[in-house]
Amino acid sequence: ALGTETRGPWPEPAAAAAAAAAAATGAGVFPAKVLGLRV
């Protein structure tokens, strides 16, 4: 409505989520919990 483009600076959400899932799953339970807290 303001006539402003909305393209953001982050990677595609699905790719980012996949990277986060792979990192947390491979690192163990505690890092997965820390990731959840961070998110």
PDB file of all heavy atoms in Angstrom:
ATOM      1  N   ALA A   1       0.823  -1.209   0.000  1.00  0.00           N
ATOM      2  CA  ALA A   1       0.000   0.000   0.000  1.00  0.00           C
ATOM      3  C   ALA A   1       0.856   1.258   0.000  1.00  0.00           C
ATOM      4  O   ALA A   1       0.445   2.299  -0.517  1.00  0.00           O
ATOM      5  CB  ALA A   1      -0.931  -0.007   1.216  1.00  0.00           C
ATOM      6  N   LEU A   2       2.066   1.134   0.568  1.00  0.00           N
ATOM      7  CA  LEU A   2       3.001   2.262   0.571  1.00  0.00           C
ATOM      8  C   LEU A   2       3.817   2.331  -0.718  1.00  0.00           C
ATOM      9  O   LEU A   2       4.619   3.251  -0.901  1.00  0.00           O
ATOM     10  CB  LEU A   2       3.958   2.148   1.762  1.00  0.00           C
ATOM     11  CG  LEU A   2       3.363   2.369   3.151  1.00  0.00           C
ATOM     12  CD1 LEU A   2       4.358   1.961   4.228  1.00  0.00           C
ATOM     13  CD2 LEU A   2       2.938   3.820   3.343  1.00  0.00           C
ATOM     14  N   GLY A   3       3.648   1.317  -1.583  1.00  0.00           N
ATOM     15  CA  GLY A   3       4.397   1.271  -2.830  1.00  0.00           C
ATOM     16  C   GLY A   3       5.839   0.869  -2.644  1.00  0.00           C
ATOM     17  O   GLY A   3       6.712   1.279  -3.409  1.00  0.00           O
ATOM     18  N   THR A   4       6.102   0.021  -1.618  1.00  0.00           N
ATOM     19  CA  THR A   4       7.472  -0.382  -1.289  1.00  0.00           C
ATOM     20  C   THR A   4       7.679  -1.851  -1.598  1.00  0.00           C
ATOM     21  O   THR A   4       6.833  -2.687  -1.267  1.00  0.00           O
ATOM     22  CB  THR A   4       7.742  -0.156   0.217  1.00  0.00           C
ATOM     23  OG1 THR A   4       7.485   1.217   0.520  1.00  0.00           O
ATOM     24  CG2 THR A   4       9.181  -0.487   0.566  1.00  0.00           C
ATOM     25  N   GLU A   5       8.816  -2.205  -2.207  1.00  0.00           N
ATOM     26  CA  GLU A   5       9.139  -3.599  -2.468  1.00  0.00           C
ATOM     27  C   GLU A   5       9.438  -4.305  -1.149  1.00  0.00           C
ATOM     28  O   GLU A   5       9.909  -3.699  -0.193  1.00  0.00           O
ATOM     29  CB  GLU A   5      10.352  -3.717  -3.396  1.00  0.00           C
ATOM     30  CG  GLU A   5      10.089  -3.172  -4.797  1.00  0.00           C
ATOM     31  CD  GLU A   5      11.285  -3.366  -5.705  1.00  0.00           C
ATOM     32  OE1 GLU A   5      12.282  -3.965  -5.237  1.00  0.00           O
ATOM     33  OE2 GLU A   5      11.228  -2.924  -6.854  1.00  0.00           O
ATOM     34  N   THR A   6       9.180  -5.634  -1.126  1.00  0.00           N
ATOM     35  CA  THR A   6       9.294  -6.370   0.137  1.00  0.00           C
ATOM     36  C   THR A   6      10.405  -7.406   0.136  1.00  0.00           C
ATOM     37  O   THR A   6      10.521  -8.167   1.081  1.00  0.00           O
ATOM     38  CB  THR A   6       7.968  -7.095   0.444  1.00  0.00           C
ATOM     39  OG1 THR A   6       7.681  -8.020  -0.613  1.00  0.00           O
ATOM     40  CG2 THR A   6       6.831  -6.112   0.587  1.00  0.00           C
ATOM     41  N   ARG A   7      11.199  -7.475  -0.898  1.00  0.00           N
ATOM     42  CA  ARG A   7      12.232  -8.513  -0.960  1.00  0.00           C
ATOM     43  C   ARG A   7      13.219  -8.341   0.187  1.00  0.00           C
ATOM     44  O   ARG A   7      13.788  -7.277   0.384  1.00  0.00           O
ATOM     45  CB  ARG A   7      12.970  -8.455  -2.290  1.00  0.00           C
ATOM     46  CG  ARG A   7      14.016  -9.564  -2.457  1.00  0.00           C
ATOM     47  CD  ARG A   7      14.644  -9.508  -3.838  1.00  0.00           C
ATOM     48  NE  ARG A   7      15.645 -10.531  -4.020  1.00  0.00           N
ATOM     49  CZ  ARG A   7      15.377 -11.788  -4.340  1.00  0.00           C
ATOM     50  NH1 ARG A   7      14.120 -12.174  -4.476  1.00  0.00           N
ATOM     51  NH2 ARG A   7      16.340 -12.676  -4.496  1.00  0.00           N
ATOM     52  N   GLY A   8      13.449  -9.404   0.966  1.00  0.00           N
ATOM     53  CA  GLY A   8      14.319  -9.344   2.129  1.00  0.00           C
ATOM     54  C   GLY A   8      15.728  -9.841   1.833  1.00  0.00           C
ATOM     55  O   GLY A   8      15.997 -10.397   0.775  1.00  0.00           O
ATOM     56  N   PRO A   9      16.651  -9.686   2.800  1.00  0.00           N
ATOM     57  CA  PRO A   9      18.041 -10.046   2.587  1.00  0.00           C
ATOM     58  C   PRO A   9      18.385 -11.486   2.937  1.00  0.00           C
ATOM     59  O   PRO A   9      19.528 -11.881   2.806  1.00  0.00           O
ATOM     60  CB  PRO A   9      18.776  -9.088   3.547  1.00  0.00           C
ATOM     61  CG  PRO A   9      17.816  -8.926   4.684  1.00  0.00           C
ATOM     62  CD  PRO A   9      16.430  -8.959   4.057  1.00  0.00           C
ATOM     63  N   TRP A  10      17.418 -12.285   3.444  1.00  0.00           N
ATOM     64  CA  TRP A  10      17.742 -13.633   3.888  1.00  0.00           C
ATOM     65  C   TRP A  10      17.561 -14.654   2.787  1.00  0.00           C
ATOM     66  O   TRP A  10      16.833 -14.434   1.825  1.00  0.00           O
ATOM     67  CB  TRP A  10      16.863 -14.005   5.083  1.00  0.00           C
ATOM     68  CG  TRP A  10      17.300 -13.302   6.323  1.00  0.00           C
ATOM     69  CD1 TRP A  10      18.377 -13.584   7.097  1.00  0.00           C
ATOM     70  CD2 TRP A  10      16.678 -12.175   6.926  1.00  0.00           C
ATOM     71  NE1 TRP A  10      18.463 -12.703   8.142  1.00  0.00           N
ATOM     72  CE2 TRP A  10      17.447 -11.835   8.066  1.00  0.00           C
ATOM     73  CE3 TRP A  10      15.545 -11.411   6.606  1.00  0.00           C
ATOM     74  CZ2 TRP A  10      17.108 -10.770   8.894  1.00  0.00           C
ATOM     75  CZ3 TRP A  10      15.213 -10.358   7.424  1.00  0.00           C
ATOM     76  CH2 TRP A  10      15.993 -10.048   8.552  1.00  0.00           C
ATOM     77  N   PRO A  11      18.201 -15.844   2.945  1.00  0.00           N
ATOM     78  CA  PRO A  11      18.020 -16.913   1.967  1.00  0.00           C
ATOM     79  C   PRO A  11      16.579 -17.408   1.967  1.00  0.00           C
ATOM     80  O   PRO A  11      15.786 -17.049   2.848  1.00  0.00           O
ATOM     81  CB  PRO A  11      18.974 -18.015   2.481  1.00  0.00           C
ATOM     82  CG  PRO A  11      19.918 -17.324   3.407  1.00  0.00           C
ATOM     83  CD  PRO A  11      19.159 -16.170   3.984  1.00  0.00           C
ATOM     84  N   GLU A  12      16.257 -18.259   0.987  1.00  0.00           N
ATOM     85  CA  GLU A  12      14.913 -18.831   0.934  1.00  0.00           C
ATOM     86  C   GLU A  12      14.627 -19.555   2.236  1.00  0.00           C
ATOM     87  O   GLU A  12      15.459 -20.321   2.732  1.00  0.00           O
ATOM     88  CB  GLU A  12      14.807 -19.808  -0.236  1.00  0.00           C
ATOM     89  CG  GLU A  12      14.764 -19.128  -1.594  1.00  0.00           C
ATOM     90  CD  GLU A  12      13.549 -18.244  -1.744  1.00  0.00           C
ATOM     91  OE1 GLU A  12      12.465 -18.638  -1.288  1.00  0.00           O
ATOM     92  OE2 GLU A  12      13.681 -17.142  -2.297  1.00  0.00           O
ATOM     93  N   PRO A  13      13.446 -19.342   2.857  1.00  0.00           N
ATOM     94  CA  PRO A  13      13.138 -19.936   4.158  1.00  0.00           C
ATOM     95  C   PRO A  13      13.294 -21.450   4.199  1.00  0.00           C
ATOM     96  O   PRO A  13      13.808 -21.992   5.169  1.00  0.00           O
ATOM     97  CB  PRO A  13      11.678 -19.508   4.392  1.00  0.00           C
ATOM     98  CG  PRO A  13      11.520 -18.252   3.604  1.00  0.00           C
ATOM     99  CD  PRO A  13      12.387 -18.438   2.388  1.00  0.00           C
ATOM    100  N   ALA A  14      12.850 -22.155   3.169  1.00  0.00           N
ATOM    101  CA  ALA A  14      12.933 -23.618   3.185  1.00  0.00           C
ATOM    102  C   ALA A  14      14.387 -24.074   3.249  1.00  0.00           C
ATOM    103  O   ALA A  14      14.730 -25.011   3.977  1.00  0.00           O
ATOM    104  CB  ALA A  14      12.239 -24.188   1.952  1.00  0.00           C
ATOM    105  N   ALA A  15      15.258 -23.414   2.506  1.00  0.00           N
ATOM    106  CA  ALA A  15      16.674 -23.774   2.517  1.00  0.00           C
ATOM    107  C   ALA A  15      17.291 -23.489   3.887  1.00  0.00           C
ATOM    108  O   ALA A  15      18.095 -24.272   4.403  1.00  0.00           O
ATOM    109  CB  ALA A  15      17.419 -23.013   1.426  1.00  0.00           C
ATOM    110  N   ALA A  16      16.925 -22.352   4.474  1.00  0.00           N
ATOM    111  CA  ALA A  16      17.441 -22.003   5.791  1.00  0.00           C
ATOM    112  C   ALA A  16      16.983 -23.014   6.839  1.00  0.00           C
ATOM    113  O   ALA A  16      17.758 -23.433   7.698  1.00  0.00           O
ATOM    114  CB  ALA A  16      16.980 -20.602   6.183  1.00  0.00           C
ATOM    115  N   ALA A  17      15.705 -23.407   6.783  1.00  0.00           N
ATOM    116  CA  ALA A  17      15.180 -24.377   7.738  1.00  0.00           C
ATOM    117  C   ALA A  17      15.861 -25.727   7.584  1.00  0.00           C
ATOM    118  O   ALA A  17      16.168 -26.390   8.570  1.00  0.00           O
ATOM    119  CB  ALA A  17      13.672 -24.523   7.558  1.00  0.00           C
ATOM    120  N   ALA A  18      16.109 -26.122   6.349  1.00  0.00           N
ATOM    121  CA  ALA A  18      16.778 -27.397   6.105  1.00  0.00           C
ATOM    122  C   ALA A  18      18.191 -27.373   6.690  1.00  0.00           C
ATOM    123  O   ALA A  18      18.638 -28.360   7.299  1.00  0.00           O
ATOM    124  CB  ALA A  18      16.823 -27.689   4.615  1.00  0.00           C
ATOM    125  N   ALA A  19      18.879 -26.254   6.524  1.00  0.00           N
ATOM    126  CA  ALA A  19      20.226 -26.134   7.081  1.00  0.00           C
ATOM    127  C   ALA A  19      20.192 -26.180   8.599  1.00  0.00           C
ATOM    128  O   ALA A  19      21.030 -26.828   9.239  1.00  0.00           O
ATOM    129  CB  ALA A  19      20.875 -24.830   6.605  1.00  0.00           C
ATOM    130  N   ALA A  20      19.213 -25.496   9.197  1.00  0.00           N
ATOM    131  CA  ALA A  20      19.081 -25.497  10.653  1.00  0.00           C
ATOM    132  C   ALA A  20      18.772 -26.892  11.171  1.00  0.00           C
ATOM    133  O   ALA A  20      19.311 -27.337  12.185  1.00  0.00           O
ATOM    134  CB  ALA A  20      17.986 -24.520  11.087  1.00  0.00           C
ATOM    135  N   ALA A  21      17.872 -27.608  10.479  1.00  0.00           N
ATOM    136  CA  ALA A  21      17.494 -28.952  10.899  1.00  0.00           C
ATOM    137  C   ALA A  21      18.686 -29.895  10.827  1.00  0.00           C
ATOM    138  O   ALA A  21      18.926 -30.690  11.744  1.00  0.00           O
ATOM    139  CB  ALA A  21      16.362 -29.473  10.031  1.00  0.00           C
ATOM    140  N   ALA A  22      19.448 -29.820   9.740  1.00  0.00           N
ATOM    141  CA  ALA A  22      20.603 -30.690   9.577  1.00  0.00           C
ATOM    142  C   ALA A  22      21.644 -30.424  10.653  1.00  0.00           C
ATOM    143  O   ALA A  22      22.213 -31.354  11.236  1.00  0.00           O
ATOM    144  CB  ALA A  22      21.206 -30.498   8.191  1.00  0.00           C
ATOM    145  N   ALA A  23      21.890 -29.151  10.939  1.00  0.00           N
ATOM    146  CA  ALA A  23      22.895 -28.792  11.939  1.00  0.00           C
ATOM    147  C   ALA A  23      22.486 -29.284  13.320  1.00  0.00           C
ATOM    148  O   ALA A  23      23.282 -29.861  14.061  1.00  0.00           O
ATOM    149  CB  ALA A  23      23.109 -27.278  11.956  1.00  0.00           C
ATOM    150  N   ALA A  24      21.212 -29.057  13.693  1.00  0.00           N
ATOM    151  CA  ALA A  24      20.749 -29.435  15.028  1.00  0.00           C
ATOM    152  C   ALA A  24      20.657 -30.941  15.187  1.00  0.00           C
ATOM    153  O   ALA A  24      21.032 -31.498  16.216  1.00  0.00           O
ATOM    154  CB  ALA A  24      19.399 -28.786  15.312  1.00  0.00           C
ATOM    155  N   THR A  25      20.147 -31.624  14.176  1.00  0.00           N
ATOM    156  CA  THR A  25      19.983 -33.074  14.257  1.00  0.00           C
ATOM    157  C   THR A  25      21.325 -33.771  14.375  1.00  0.00           C
ATOM    158  O   THR A  25      21.475 -34.740  15.128  1.00  0.00           O
ATOM    159  CB  THR A  25      19.231 -33.600  13.019  1.00  0.00           C
ATOM    160  OG1 THR A  25      17.954 -32.967  12.956  1.00  0.00           O
ATOM    161  CG2 THR A  25      19.031 -35.100  13.099  1.00  0.00           C
ATOM    162  N   GLY A  26      22.314 -33.255  13.659  1.00  0.00           N
ATOM    163  CA  GLY A  26      23.615 -33.900  13.682  1.00  0.00           C
ATOM    164  C   GLY A  26      24.425 -33.597  14.922  1.00  0.00           C
ATOM    165  O   GLY A  26      25.391 -34.297  15.213  1.00  0.00           O
ATOM    166  N   ALA A  27      24.047 -32.561  15.668  1.00  0.00           N
ATOM    167  CA  ALA A  27      24.857 -32.125  16.805  1.00  0.00           C
ATOM    168  C   ALA A  27      24.402 -32.722  18.134  1.00  0.00           C
ATOM    169  O   ALA A  27      25.139 -32.669  19.111  1.00  0.00           O
ATOM    170  CB  ALA A  27      24.843 -30.606  16.898  1.00  0.00           C
ATOM    171  N   GLY A  28      23.200 -33.264  18.222  1.00  0.00           N
ATOM    172  CA  GLY A  28      22.743 -33.874  19.462  1.00  0.00           C
ATOM    173  C   GLY A  28      21.570 -33.149  20.094  1.00  0.00           C
ATOM    174  O   GLY A  28      21.081 -32.136  19.588  1.00  0.00           O
ATOM    175  N   VAL A  29      21.123 -33.698  21.243  1.00  0.00           N
ATOM    176  CA  VAL A  29      19.917 -33.200  21.897  1.00  0.00           C
ATOM    177  C   VAL A  29      20.100 -31.779  22.424  1.00  0.00           C
ATOM    178  O   VAL A  29      19.247 -30.910  22.210  1.00  0.00           O
ATOM    179  CB  VAL A  29      19.497 -34.141  23.040  1.00  0.00           C
ATOM    180  CG1 VAL A  29      18.375 -33.519  23.869  1.00  0.00           C
ATOM    181  CG2 VAL A  29      19.064 -35.491  22.485  1.00  0.00           C
ATOM    182  N   PHE A  30      21.205 -31.530  23.150  1.00  0.00           N
ATOM    183  CA  PHE A  30      21.387 -30.206  23.748  1.00  0.00           C
ATOM    184  C   PHE A  30      21.435 -29.105  22.697  1.00  0.00           C
ATOM    185  O   PHE A  30      20.733 -28.092  22.829  1.00  0.00           O
ATOM    186  CB  PHE A  30      22.634 -30.184  24.631  1.00  0.00           C
ATOM    187  CG  PHE A  30      22.845 -28.872  25.337  1.00  0.00           C
ATOM    188  CD1 PHE A  30      22.086 -28.530  26.443  1.00  0.00           C
ATOM    189  CD2 PHE A  30      23.794 -27.962  24.890  1.00  0.00           C
ATOM    190  CE1 PHE A  30      22.263 -27.317  27.107  1.00  0.00           C
ATOM    191  CE2 PHE A  30      23.986 -26.748  25.531  1.00  0.00           C
ATOM    192  CZ  PHE A  30      23.215 -26.428  26.640  1.00  0.00           C
ATOM    193  N   PRO A  31      22.226 -29.245  21.626  1.00  0.00           N
ATOM    194  CA  PRO A  31      22.202 -28.199  20.592  1.00  0.00           C
ATOM    195  C   PRO A  31      20.825 -28.026  19.962  1.00  0.00           C
ATOM    196  O   PRO A  31      20.455 -26.907  19.593  1.00  0.00           O
ATOM    197  CB  PRO A  31      23.227 -28.700  19.571  1.00  0.00           C
ATOM    198  CG  PRO A  31      24.149 -29.554  20.343  1.00  0.00           C
ATOM    199  CD  PRO A  31      23.284 -30.241  21.357  1.00  0.00           C
ATOM    200  N   ALA A  32      20.064 -29.130  19.829  1.00  0.00           N
ATOM    201  CA  ALA A  32      18.714 -29.000  19.273  1.00  0.00           C
ATOM    202  C   ALA A  32      17.838 -28.171  20.200  1.00  0.00           C
ATOM    203  O   ALA A  32      17.032 -27.348  19.744  1.00  0.00           O
ATOM    204  CB  ALA A  32      18.104 -30.382  19.054  1.00  0.00           C
ATOM    205  N   LYS A  33      17.986 -28.371  21.511  1.00  0.00           N
ATOM    206  CA  LYS A  33      17.220 -27.572  22.474  1.00  0.00           C
ATOM    207  C   LYS A  33      17.643 -26.106  22.436  1.00  0.00           C
ATOM    208  O   LYS A  33      16.806 -25.199  22.529  1.00  0.00           O
ATOM    209  CB  LYS A  33      17.392 -28.139  23.885  1.00  0.00           C
ATOM    210  CG  LYS A  33      16.721 -29.477  24.121  1.00  0.00           C
ATOM    211  CD  LYS A  33      16.897 -29.929  25.564  1.00  0.00           C
ATOM    212  CE  LYS A  33      16.125 -31.212  25.852  1.00  0.00           C
ATOM    213  NZ  LYS A  33      16.226 -31.616  27.261  1.00  0.00           N
ATOM    214  N   VAL A  34      18.954 -25.880  22.309  1.00  0.00           N
ATOM    215  CA  VAL A  34      19.449 -24.504  22.233  1.00  0.00           C
ATOM    216  C   VAL A  34      18.952 -23.828  20.966  1.00  0.00           C
ATOM    217  O   VAL A  34      18.566 -22.650  20.982  1.00  0.00           O
ATOM    218  CB  VAL A  34      20.987 -24.477  22.308  1.00  0.00           C
ATOM    219  CG1 VAL A  34      21.517 -23.064  22.037  1.00  0.00           C
ATOM    220  CG2 VAL A  34      21.463 -24.950  23.674  1.00  0.00           C
ATOM    221  N   LEU A  35      18.950 -24.571  19.860  1.00  0.00           N
ATOM    222  CA  LEU A  35      18.412 -24.017  18.617  1.00  0.00           C
ATOM    223  C   LEU A  35      16.956 -23.600  18.802  1.00  0.00           C
ATOM    224  O   LEU A  35      16.553 -22.512  18.381  1.00  0.00           O
ATOM    225  CB  LEU A  35      18.519 -25.043  17.493  1.00  0.00           C
ATOM    226  CG  LEU A  35      17.799 -24.655  16.188  1.00  0.00           C
ATOM    227  CD1 LEU A  35      18.504 -23.486  15.509  1.00  0.00           C
ATOM    228  CD2 LEU A  35      17.683 -25.846  15.240  1.00  0.00           C
ATOM    229  N   GLY A  36      16.161 -24.469  19.436  1.00  0.00           N
ATOM    230  CA  GLY A  36      14.759 -24.143  19.671  1.00  0.00           C
ATOM    231  C   GLY A  36      14.598 -22.898  20.519  1.00  0.00           C
ATOM    232  O   GLY A  36      13.742 -22.044  20.247  1.00  0.00           O
ATOM    233  N   LEU A  37      15.429 -22.779  21.563  1.00  0.00           N
ATOM    234  CA  LEU A  37      15.380 -21.594  22.410  1.00  0.00           C
ATOM    235  C   LEU A  37      15.722 -20.346  21.612  1.00  0.00           C
ATOM    236  O   LEU A  37      15.070 -19.300  21.760  1.00  0.00           O
ATOM    237  CB  LEU A  37      16.360 -21.764  23.579  1.00  0.00           C
ATOM    238  CG  LEU A  37      16.405 -20.627  24.590  1.00  0.00           C
ATOM    239  CD1 LEU A  37      15.077 -20.507  25.333  1.00  0.00           C
ATOM    240  CD2 LEU A  37      17.544 -20.852  25.597  1.00  0.00           C
ATOM    241  N   ARG A  38      16.718 -20.485  20.759  1.00  0.00           N
ATOM    242  CA  ARG A  38      17.142 -19.338  19.945  1.00  0.00           C
ATOM    243  C   ARG A  38      16.045 -18.924  18.975  1.00  0.00           C
ATOM    244  O   ARG A  38      15.761 -17.732  18.809  1.00  0.00           O
ATOM    245  CB  ARG A  38      18.418 -19.713  19.185  1.00  0.00           C
ATOM    246  CG  ARG A  38      18.969 -18.621  18.294  1.00  0.00           C
ATOM    247  CD  ARG A  38      19.548 -17.494  19.089  1.00  0.00           C
ATOM    248  NE  ARG A  38      20.268 -16.564  18.211  1.00  0.00           N
ATOM    249  CZ  ARG A  38      20.224 -15.249  18.345  1.00  0.00           C
ATOM    250  NH1 ARG A  38      19.510 -14.710  19.312  1.00  0.00           N
ATOM    251  NH2 ARG A  38      20.896 -14.468  17.527  1.00  0.00           N
ATOM    252  N   VAL A  39      15.417 -19.909  18.320  1.00  0.00           N
ATOM    253  CA  VAL A  39      14.360 -19.593  17.360  1.00  0.00           C
ATOM    254  C   VAL A  39      13.167 -18.950  18.070  1.00  0.00           C
ATOM    255  O   VAL A  39      12.610 -17.954  17.590  1.00  0.00           O
ATOM    256  CB  VAL A  39      13.937 -20.856  16.590  1.00  0.00           C
ATOM    257  CG1 VAL A  39      12.663 -20.587  15.779  1.00  0.00           C
ATOM    258  CG2 VAL A  39      15.054 -21.320  15.666  1.00  0.00           C
TER     259      VAL A  39
END
